[in-house]
Amino acid sequence: MTNGFDRERMYTQSKGYGFSPALQRTRQPFRARNMLTLLGLLTFTGGVYAYSMLAVKQDDFSDVPMPSTLPGVHDVTHENKDKQ
């Protein structure tokens, strides 16, 4: 009777790292589909990133009035200039 450890050992090399020929043959039918999925995910992610960067870059805040001072905030820069 074999346990899970013995079954796992069939697909990995005895030295530890790497794939055995049996595992490579098992994974081969899915290689093209996995690459297409990876390409699709990278394209989508890159597209969302590029769109968001371009959308932020084109924002123009020149029409937004900036208050000279905020309520409750004391401006110390003008006091220092007045004293000099």
N, C-alpha and C. Protein backbone atom coordinates (compact mmCIF):
# COMPACT_ATOMS: atom_id res chain seq x y z
N MET A 1 0.84 -1.16 0.00
CA MET A 1 0.00 0.00 0.00
C MET A 1 0.90 1.25 0.00
N THR A 2 0.59 2.21 -0.87
CA THR A 2 1.40 3.42 -0.94
C THR A 2 0.65 4.58 -0.33
N ASN A 3 1.39 5.43 0.29
CA ASN A 3 0.76 6.62 0.84
C ASN A 3 1.02 7.81 -0.09
N GLY A 4 0.58 8.98 0.29
CA GLY A 4 0.72 10.17 -0.54
C GLY A 4 2.16 10.55 -0.77
N PHE A 5 3.02 10.30 0.20
CA PHE A 5 4.43 10.64 0.05
C PHE A 5 5.08 9.83 -1.06
N ASP A 6 4.79 8.54 -1.12
CA ASP A 6 5.37 7.69 -2.16
C ASP A 6 4.87 8.11 -3.54
N ARG A 7 3.61 8.48 -3.63
CA ARG A 7 3.05 8.91 -4.91
C ARG A 7 3.69 10.22 -5.35
N GLU A 8 3.93 11.12 -4.40
CA GLU A 8 4.57 12.40 -4.74
C GLU A 8 6.00 12.19 -5.20
N ARG A 9 6.69 11.24 -4.61
CA ARG A 9 8.07 10.98 -4.96
C ARG A 9 8.21 10.48 -6.39
N MET A 10 7.16 9.88 -6.94
CA MET A 10 7.21 9.41 -8.33
C MET A 10 7.37 10.58 -9.30
N TYR A 11 6.87 11.76 -8.95
CA TYR A 11 6.87 12.89 -9.88
C TYR A 11 7.98 13.89 -9.62
N THR A 12 8.75 13.74 -8.60
CA THR A 12 9.85 14.65 -8.34
C THR A 12 11.15 13.87 -8.36
N GLN A 13 12.22 14.58 -8.55
CA GLN A 13 13.52 13.91 -8.59
C GLN A 13 13.98 13.63 -7.17
N SER A 14 14.78 12.62 -7.03
CA SER A 14 15.21 12.21 -5.70
C SER A 14 16.14 13.24 -5.07
N LYS A 15 16.81 14.07 -5.87
CA LYS A 15 17.72 15.07 -5.31
C LYS A 15 17.00 16.32 -4.85
N GLY A 16 15.72 16.41 -5.09
CA GLY A 16 14.97 17.54 -4.55
C GLY A 16 14.34 18.42 -5.61
N TYR A 17 15.12 19.30 -6.24
CA TYR A 17 14.56 20.31 -7.11
C TYR A 17 14.43 19.81 -8.55
N GLY A 18 13.50 20.37 -9.28
CA GLY A 18 13.33 20.00 -10.68
C GLY A 18 12.16 19.07 -10.88
N PHE A 19 11.83 18.88 -12.14
CA PHE A 19 10.71 18.02 -12.50
C PHE A 19 11.25 16.73 -13.11
N SER A 20 10.60 15.66 -12.79
CA SER A 20 10.97 14.38 -13.39
C SER A 20 10.39 14.32 -14.80
N PRO A 21 10.87 13.43 -15.62
CA PRO A 21 10.30 13.28 -16.96
C PRO A 21 8.81 12.94 -16.93
N ALA A 22 8.36 12.19 -15.92
CA ALA A 22 6.94 11.85 -15.83
C ALA A 22 6.10 13.11 -15.58
N LEU A 23 6.58 13.99 -14.72
CA LEU A 23 5.83 15.21 -14.44
C LEU A 23 5.86 16.15 -15.66
N GLN A 24 6.96 16.20 -16.37
CA GLN A 24 7.03 17.03 -17.57
C GLN A 24 6.04 16.53 -18.62
N ARG A 25 5.93 15.22 -18.79
CA ARG A 25 4.95 14.67 -19.75
C ARG A 25 3.53 14.95 -19.30
N THR A 26 3.29 14.95 -18.00
CA THR A 26 1.95 15.20 -17.49
C THR A 26 1.54 16.65 -17.71
N ARG A 27 2.47 17.56 -17.56
CA ARG A 27 2.17 18.99 -17.69
C ARG A 27 2.14 19.47 -19.12
N GLN A 28 2.71 18.76 -20.05
CA GLN A 28 2.87 19.24 -21.41
C GLN A 28 1.57 19.59 -22.12
N PRO A 29 0.47 18.85 -21.99
CA PRO A 29 -0.75 19.23 -22.69
C PRO A 29 -1.32 20.57 -22.25
N PHE A 30 -0.98 21.01 -21.07
CA PHE A 30 -1.53 22.26 -20.55
C PHE A 30 -0.62 23.46 -20.77
N ARG A 31 0.55 23.24 -21.34
CA ARG A 31 1.54 24.30 -21.48
C ARG A 31 1.04 25.44 -22.36
N ALA A 32 0.46 25.14 -23.50
CA ALA A 32 -0.01 26.20 -24.42
C ALA A 32 -1.17 26.98 -23.80
N ARG A 33 -2.10 26.27 -23.19
CA ARG A 33 -3.24 26.96 -22.57
C ARG A 33 -2.79 27.83 -21.41
N ASN A 34 -1.82 27.37 -20.63
CA ASN A 34 -1.30 28.17 -19.52
C ASN A 34 -0.59 29.41 -20.03
N MET A 35 0.14 29.29 -21.12
CA MET A 35 0.83 30.46 -21.70
C MET A 35 -0.19 31.47 -22.24
N LEU A 36 -1.25 30.99 -22.86
CA LEU A 36 -2.28 31.91 -23.35
C LEU A 36 -2.99 32.61 -22.19
N THR A 37 -3.22 31.88 -21.12
CA THR A 37 -3.83 32.49 -19.93
C THR A 37 -2.90 33.54 -19.34
N LEU A 38 -1.61 33.23 -19.25
CA LEU A 38 -0.63 34.19 -18.75
C LEU A 38 -0.59 35.43 -19.63
N LEU A 39 -0.57 35.25 -20.93
CA LEU A 39 -0.56 36.37 -21.86
C LEU A 39 -1.81 37.23 -21.69
N GLY A 40 -2.97 36.61 -21.54
CA GLY A 40 -4.20 37.35 -21.34
C GLY A 40 -4.21 38.14 -20.05
N LEU A 41 -3.74 37.53 -18.97
CA LEU A 41 -3.69 38.23 -17.69
C LEU A 41 -2.71 39.40 -17.71
N LEU A 42 -1.55 39.19 -18.33
CA LEU A 42 -0.58 40.28 -18.43
C LEU A 42 -1.09 41.41 -19.31
N THR A 43 -1.78 41.08 -20.39
CA THR A 43 -2.34 42.10 -21.27
C THR A 43 -3.41 42.90 -20.54
N PHE A 44 -4.29 42.23 -19.84
CA PHE A 44 -5.34 42.92 -19.09
C PHE A 44 -4.75 43.82 -18.01
N THR A 45 -3.81 43.28 -17.25
CA THR A 45 -3.19 44.05 -16.18
C THR A 45 -2.43 45.25 -16.73
N GLY A 46 -1.68 45.05 -17.79
CA GLY A 46 -0.94 46.15 -18.41
C GLY A 46 -1.88 47.19 -18.99
N GLY A 47 -2.99 46.75 -19.57
CA GLY A 47 -3.97 47.69 -20.12
C GLY A 47 -4.62 48.54 -19.05
N VAL A 48 -4.99 47.92 -17.94
CA VAL A 48 -5.60 48.68 -16.84
C VAL A 48 -4.59 49.67 -16.27
N TYR A 49 -3.35 49.25 -16.12
CA TYR A 49 -2.31 50.14 -15.60
C TYR A 49 -2.07 51.32 -16.55
N ALA A 50 -1.94 51.03 -17.84
CA ALA A 50 -1.69 52.10 -18.81
C ALA A 50 -2.87 53.06 -18.89
N TYR A 51 -4.08 52.53 -18.89
CA TYR A 51 -5.26 53.39 -18.93
C TYR A 51 -5.32 54.30 -17.72
N SER A 52 -5.05 53.75 -16.54
CA SER A 52 -5.14 54.57 -15.33
C SER A 52 -4.04 55.63 -15.31
N MET A 53 -2.84 55.31 -15.79
CA MET A 53 -1.78 56.31 -15.84
C MET A 53 -2.12 57.41 -16.84
N LEU A 54 -2.66 57.05 -17.98
CA LEU A 54 -3.02 58.07 -18.97
C LEU A 54 -4.20 58.90 -18.48
N ALA A 55 -5.14 58.32 -17.78
CA ALA A 55 -6.29 59.06 -17.28
C ALA A 55 -5.86 60.05 -16.21
N VAL A 56 -4.93 59.68 -15.36
CA VAL A 56 -4.47 60.59 -14.31
C VAL A 56 -3.60 61.69 -14.91
N LYS A 57 -2.81 61.36 -15.90
CA LYS A 57 -1.92 62.33 -16.49
C LYS A 57 -2.68 63.47 -17.17
N GLN A 58 -3.83 63.22 -17.72
CA GLN A 58 -4.56 64.24 -18.45
C GLN A 58 -5.43 65.12 -17.55
N ASP A 59 -5.50 64.83 -16.26
CA ASP A 59 -6.27 65.68 -15.36
C ASP A 59 -5.60 67.04 -15.23
N ASP A 60 -6.42 68.08 -15.31
CA ASP A 60 -5.92 69.44 -15.18
C ASP A 60 -6.69 70.12 -14.06
N PHE A 61 -5.99 70.52 -13.04
CA PHE A 61 -6.63 71.11 -11.88
C PHE A 61 -6.51 72.63 -11.88
N SER A 62 -6.24 73.24 -13.03
CA SER A 62 -6.08 74.69 -13.07
C SER A 62 -7.40 75.42 -12.84
N ASP A 63 -8.53 74.77 -13.09
CA ASP A 63 -9.82 75.43 -12.89
C ASP A 63 -10.33 75.32 -11.45
N VAL A 64 -9.61 74.62 -10.60
CA VAL A 64 -10.01 74.46 -9.21
C VAL A 64 -9.39 75.61 -8.40
N PRO A 65 -10.22 76.44 -7.77
CA PRO A 65 -9.65 77.55 -7.00
C PRO A 65 -8.98 77.04 -5.73
N MET A 66 -7.78 77.53 -5.48
CA MET A 66 -7.05 77.15 -4.29
C MET A 66 -7.23 78.23 -3.25
N PRO A 67 -7.66 77.88 -2.05
CA PRO A 67 -7.81 78.91 -1.02
C PRO A 67 -6.44 79.41 -0.57
N SER A 68 -6.38 80.69 -0.24
CA SER A 68 -5.11 81.25 0.21
C SER A 68 -4.72 80.67 1.58
N THR A 69 -5.71 80.49 2.43
CA THR A 69 -5.46 79.83 3.72
C THR A 69 -6.63 78.92 4.03
N LEU A 70 -6.36 77.89 4.72
CA LEU A 70 -7.40 76.97 5.14
C LEU A 70 -7.99 77.45 6.46
N PRO A 71 -9.28 77.25 6.65
CA PRO A 71 -9.87 77.68 7.91
C PRO A 71 -9.26 76.91 9.09
N GLY A 72 -8.88 77.65 10.11
CA GLY A 72 -8.32 77.02 11.30
C GLY A 72 -6.83 76.78 11.22
N VAL A 73 -6.19 77.11 10.09
CA VAL A 73 -4.75 76.91 9.95
C VAL A 73 -4.09 78.28 9.97
N HIS A 74 -3.13 78.44 10.84
CA HIS A 74 -2.43 79.72 10.99
C HIS A 74 -1.19 79.71 10.10
N ASP A 75 -1.07 80.67 9.20
CA ASP A 75 0.05 80.74 8.26
C ASP A 75 1.20 81.48 8.92
N VAL A 76 2.28 80.78 9.22
CA VAL A 76 3.42 81.39 9.89
C VAL A 76 4.43 81.95 8.90
N THR A 77 4.31 81.62 7.63
CA THR A 77 5.30 82.11 6.65
C THR A 77 5.15 83.60 6.44
N HIS A 78 3.92 84.12 6.42
CA HIS A 78 3.72 85.55 6.23
C HIS A 78 4.16 86.33 7.46
N GLU A 79 4.02 85.78 8.65
CA GLU A 79 4.46 86.45 9.86
C GLU A 79 5.97 86.63 9.87
N ASN A 80 6.68 85.59 9.43
CA ASN A 80 8.15 85.68 9.39
C ASN A 80 8.60 86.72 8.37
N LYS A 81 7.93 86.82 7.25
CA LYS A 81 8.29 87.80 6.23
C LYS A 81 7.99 89.21 6.72
N ASP A 82 6.89 89.38 7.46
CA ASP A 82 6.52 90.70 7.96
C ASP A 82 7.52 91.17 9.02
N LYS A 83 8.08 90.28 9.83
CA LYS A 83 9.01 90.66 10.89
C LYS A 83 10.36 91.09 10.34
N GLN A 84 10.73 90.58 9.19
CA GLN A 84 12.06 90.87 8.62
C GLN A 84 12.10 92.15 7.94
